[in-house]
N, C-alpha and C. Protein backbone atom coordinates (compact mmCIF):
# COMPACT_ATOMS: atom_id res chain seq x y z
N MET A 1 -7.05 1.58 -15.54
CA MET A 1 -7.50 2.75 -14.81
C MET A 1 -6.36 3.35 -13.99
N PHE A 2 -5.61 2.53 -13.29
CA PHE A 2 -4.52 3.04 -12.46
C PHE A 2 -3.46 3.75 -13.30
N PHE A 3 -3.20 3.22 -14.49
CA PHE A 3 -2.17 3.79 -15.35
C PHE A 3 -2.44 5.26 -15.64
N HIS A 4 -3.69 5.61 -15.84
CA HIS A 4 -4.05 6.98 -16.21
C HIS A 4 -4.33 7.88 -15.00
N THR A 5 -4.67 7.33 -13.87
CA THR A 5 -5.07 8.16 -12.74
C THR A 5 -4.09 8.17 -11.57
N ASP A 6 -3.11 7.30 -11.56
CA ASP A 6 -2.11 7.27 -10.49
C ASP A 6 -1.05 8.32 -10.79
N THR A 7 -1.09 9.44 -10.07
CA THR A 7 -0.16 10.54 -10.31
C THR A 7 0.60 10.85 -9.03
N ALA A 8 1.63 11.68 -9.16
CA ALA A 8 2.42 12.07 -7.99
C ALA A 8 1.57 12.90 -7.02
N ASP A 9 0.63 13.67 -7.55
CA ASP A 9 -0.23 14.49 -6.69
C ASP A 9 -1.34 13.68 -6.02
N ALA A 10 -1.76 12.60 -6.66
CA ALA A 10 -2.84 11.77 -6.13
C ALA A 10 -2.53 10.29 -6.38
N PRO A 11 -1.58 9.74 -5.60
CA PRO A 11 -1.20 8.34 -5.84
C PRO A 11 -2.25 7.35 -5.30
N TRP A 12 -2.40 6.25 -6.01
CA TRP A 12 -3.25 5.16 -5.56
C TRP A 12 -2.42 4.21 -4.70
N THR A 13 -3.08 3.61 -3.72
CA THR A 13 -2.46 2.56 -2.91
C THR A 13 -3.36 1.34 -2.99
N ILE A 14 -2.77 0.19 -3.25
CA ILE A 14 -3.54 -1.05 -3.36
C ILE A 14 -3.36 -1.85 -2.08
N ILE A 15 -4.47 -2.28 -1.51
CA ILE A 15 -4.46 -3.11 -0.31
C ILE A 15 -5.00 -4.48 -0.71
N ARG A 16 -4.15 -5.48 -0.66
CA ARG A 16 -4.59 -6.84 -1.00
C ARG A 16 -5.40 -7.37 0.18
N SER A 17 -6.57 -7.88 -0.10
CA SER A 17 -7.49 -8.20 1.00
C SER A 17 -7.94 -9.66 1.01
N ASP A 18 -7.00 -10.58 0.79
CA ASP A 18 -7.34 -11.99 0.92
C ASP A 18 -7.68 -12.32 2.38
N ASP A 19 -6.99 -11.68 3.30
CA ASP A 19 -7.26 -11.82 4.73
C ASP A 19 -7.77 -10.46 5.21
N LYS A 20 -9.07 -10.36 5.44
CA LYS A 20 -9.71 -9.07 5.73
C LYS A 20 -9.13 -8.39 6.98
N LYS A 21 -8.87 -9.15 8.02
CA LYS A 21 -8.36 -8.56 9.26
C LYS A 21 -6.97 -7.95 9.03
N ARG A 22 -6.07 -8.70 8.37
CA ARG A 22 -4.74 -8.17 8.10
C ARG A 22 -4.80 -6.99 7.14
N ALA A 23 -5.72 -7.03 6.20
CA ALA A 23 -5.86 -5.93 5.25
C ALA A 23 -6.29 -4.66 5.97
N ARG A 24 -7.26 -4.76 6.86
CA ARG A 24 -7.73 -3.58 7.60
C ARG A 24 -6.64 -3.02 8.51
N LEU A 25 -5.93 -3.90 9.21
CA LEU A 25 -4.85 -3.43 10.09
C LEU A 25 -3.74 -2.74 9.29
N ASN A 26 -3.41 -3.29 8.14
CA ASN A 26 -2.36 -2.69 7.32
C ASN A 26 -2.82 -1.40 6.65
N ALA A 27 -4.11 -1.28 6.35
CA ALA A 27 -4.64 -0.02 5.82
C ALA A 27 -4.51 1.08 6.88
N MET A 28 -4.84 0.74 8.13
CA MET A 28 -4.69 1.71 9.22
C MET A 28 -3.22 2.07 9.44
N ARG A 29 -2.35 1.08 9.38
CA ARG A 29 -0.91 1.35 9.53
C ARG A 29 -0.41 2.28 8.43
N HIS A 30 -0.88 2.04 7.20
CA HIS A 30 -0.46 2.88 6.08
C HIS A 30 -0.88 4.34 6.31
N ILE A 31 -2.12 4.54 6.72
CA ILE A 31 -2.61 5.90 6.96
C ILE A 31 -1.85 6.55 8.11
N LEU A 32 -1.69 5.83 9.21
CA LEU A 32 -1.00 6.40 10.37
C LEU A 32 0.47 6.68 10.10
N SER A 33 1.09 5.89 9.23
CA SER A 33 2.51 6.12 8.93
C SER A 33 2.72 7.38 8.08
N HIS A 34 1.65 7.90 7.48
CA HIS A 34 1.76 9.10 6.64
C HIS A 34 1.24 10.37 7.32
N LEU A 35 0.63 10.22 8.51
CA LEU A 35 0.08 11.38 9.20
C LEU A 35 0.94 11.77 10.40
N PRO A 36 1.25 13.04 10.52
CA PRO A 36 1.96 13.48 11.73
C PRO A 36 0.96 13.63 12.90
N TYR A 37 1.36 13.17 14.05
CA TYR A 37 0.53 13.36 15.23
C TYR A 37 1.45 13.44 16.45
N PRO A 38 0.99 14.08 17.53
CA PRO A 38 1.86 14.30 18.69
C PRO A 38 2.10 13.02 19.48
N ASP A 39 3.28 12.93 20.02
CA ASP A 39 3.69 11.85 20.91
C ASP A 39 3.46 10.44 20.35
N PRO A 40 4.03 10.12 19.19
CA PRO A 40 3.89 8.74 18.71
C PRO A 40 4.70 7.78 19.57
N ASN A 41 4.22 6.58 19.73
CA ASN A 41 4.89 5.57 20.52
C ASN A 41 5.94 4.88 19.64
N PRO A 42 7.25 5.04 19.95
CA PRO A 42 8.29 4.44 19.10
C PRO A 42 8.33 2.91 19.18
N GLU A 43 7.68 2.32 20.18
CA GLU A 43 7.69 0.87 20.32
C GLU A 43 6.70 0.18 19.38
N ILE A 44 5.78 0.95 18.80
CA ILE A 44 4.77 0.39 17.90
C ILE A 44 5.22 0.60 16.46
N SER A 45 5.29 -0.47 15.72
CA SER A 45 5.68 -0.39 14.31
C SER A 45 4.46 0.01 13.47
N LEU A 46 4.61 1.10 12.72
CA LEU A 46 3.51 1.55 11.88
C LEU A 46 3.74 1.24 10.41
N GLU A 47 4.83 0.58 10.11
CA GLU A 47 5.10 0.25 8.71
C GLU A 47 4.19 -0.89 8.27
N PRO A 48 3.43 -0.67 7.19
CA PRO A 48 2.56 -1.73 6.71
C PRO A 48 3.35 -2.85 6.03
N ASP A 49 2.75 -4.00 5.95
CA ASP A 49 3.35 -5.16 5.29
C ASP A 49 3.41 -4.89 3.78
N PRO A 50 4.60 -4.89 3.17
CA PRO A 50 4.71 -4.58 1.74
C PRO A 50 4.07 -5.63 0.83
N LEU A 51 3.77 -6.79 1.35
CA LEU A 51 3.06 -7.80 0.55
C LEU A 51 1.57 -7.52 0.50
N ILE A 52 1.07 -6.71 1.43
CA ILE A 52 -0.35 -6.39 1.48
C ILE A 52 -0.62 -4.99 0.93
N VAL A 53 0.23 -4.03 1.29
CA VAL A 53 0.05 -2.64 0.88
C VAL A 53 1.11 -2.29 -0.16
N GLN A 54 0.66 -1.87 -1.34
CA GLN A 54 1.58 -1.51 -2.41
C GLN A 54 1.10 -0.26 -3.13
N ALA A 55 2.05 0.50 -3.63
CA ALA A 55 1.70 1.60 -4.51
C ALA A 55 1.19 1.02 -5.82
N ALA A 56 0.26 1.70 -6.47
CA ALA A 56 -0.36 1.17 -7.69
C ALA A 56 0.67 0.94 -8.79
N HIS A 57 1.63 1.85 -8.93
CA HIS A 57 2.60 1.69 -10.02
C HIS A 57 3.48 0.44 -9.82
N ILE A 58 3.76 0.09 -8.58
CA ILE A 58 4.55 -1.12 -8.31
C ILE A 58 3.71 -2.36 -8.63
N SER A 59 2.46 -2.35 -8.22
CA SER A 59 1.59 -3.48 -8.49
C SER A 59 1.39 -3.67 -10.00
N LEU A 60 1.25 -2.58 -10.73
CA LEU A 60 1.11 -2.67 -12.19
C LEU A 60 2.36 -3.25 -12.84
N GLN A 61 3.53 -2.85 -12.36
CA GLN A 61 4.78 -3.38 -12.89
C GLN A 61 4.87 -4.89 -12.65
N GLN A 62 4.48 -5.33 -11.47
CA GLN A 62 4.53 -6.75 -11.15
C GLN A 62 3.55 -7.54 -12.00
N GLN A 63 2.36 -6.99 -12.21
CA GLN A 63 1.36 -7.68 -13.04
C GLN A 63 1.81 -7.75 -14.49
N THR A 64 2.41 -6.68 -14.98
CA THR A 64 2.89 -6.66 -16.36
C THR A 64 4.03 -7.65 -16.55
N ALA A 65 4.94 -7.71 -15.59
CA ALA A 65 6.06 -8.65 -15.68
C ALA A 65 5.56 -10.09 -15.62
N ALA A 66 4.54 -10.34 -14.81
CA ALA A 66 4.01 -11.70 -14.67
C ALA A 66 3.30 -12.15 -15.95
N THR A 67 2.63 -11.23 -16.63
CA THR A 67 1.90 -11.60 -17.86
C THR A 67 2.84 -11.73 -19.05
N GLU A 68 3.98 -11.07 -19.01
CA GLU A 68 4.93 -11.13 -20.13
C GLU A 68 5.79 -12.38 -20.11
N GLN A 69 5.93 -13.01 -18.97
CA GLN A 69 6.76 -14.20 -18.86
C GLN A 69 6.05 -15.38 -19.53
N PRO A 70 6.80 -16.18 -20.33
CA PRO A 70 6.16 -17.32 -21.01
C PRO A 70 5.80 -18.44 -20.07
């Protein structure tokens, strides 16, 4: 599904949710890191954890590479 629907105009983002609390916090960080808003606090890191939040095309590449390895 991601292969056909993940486009530059409408990209998919995958949030790994083994730990629900970390998944929710990183989902919020991902959204806030892409939205402009007045007076952001530079002391707060808004970058999501790349092990939890991934673009769909990157996740697909990793899954394909993992299944191709003997």
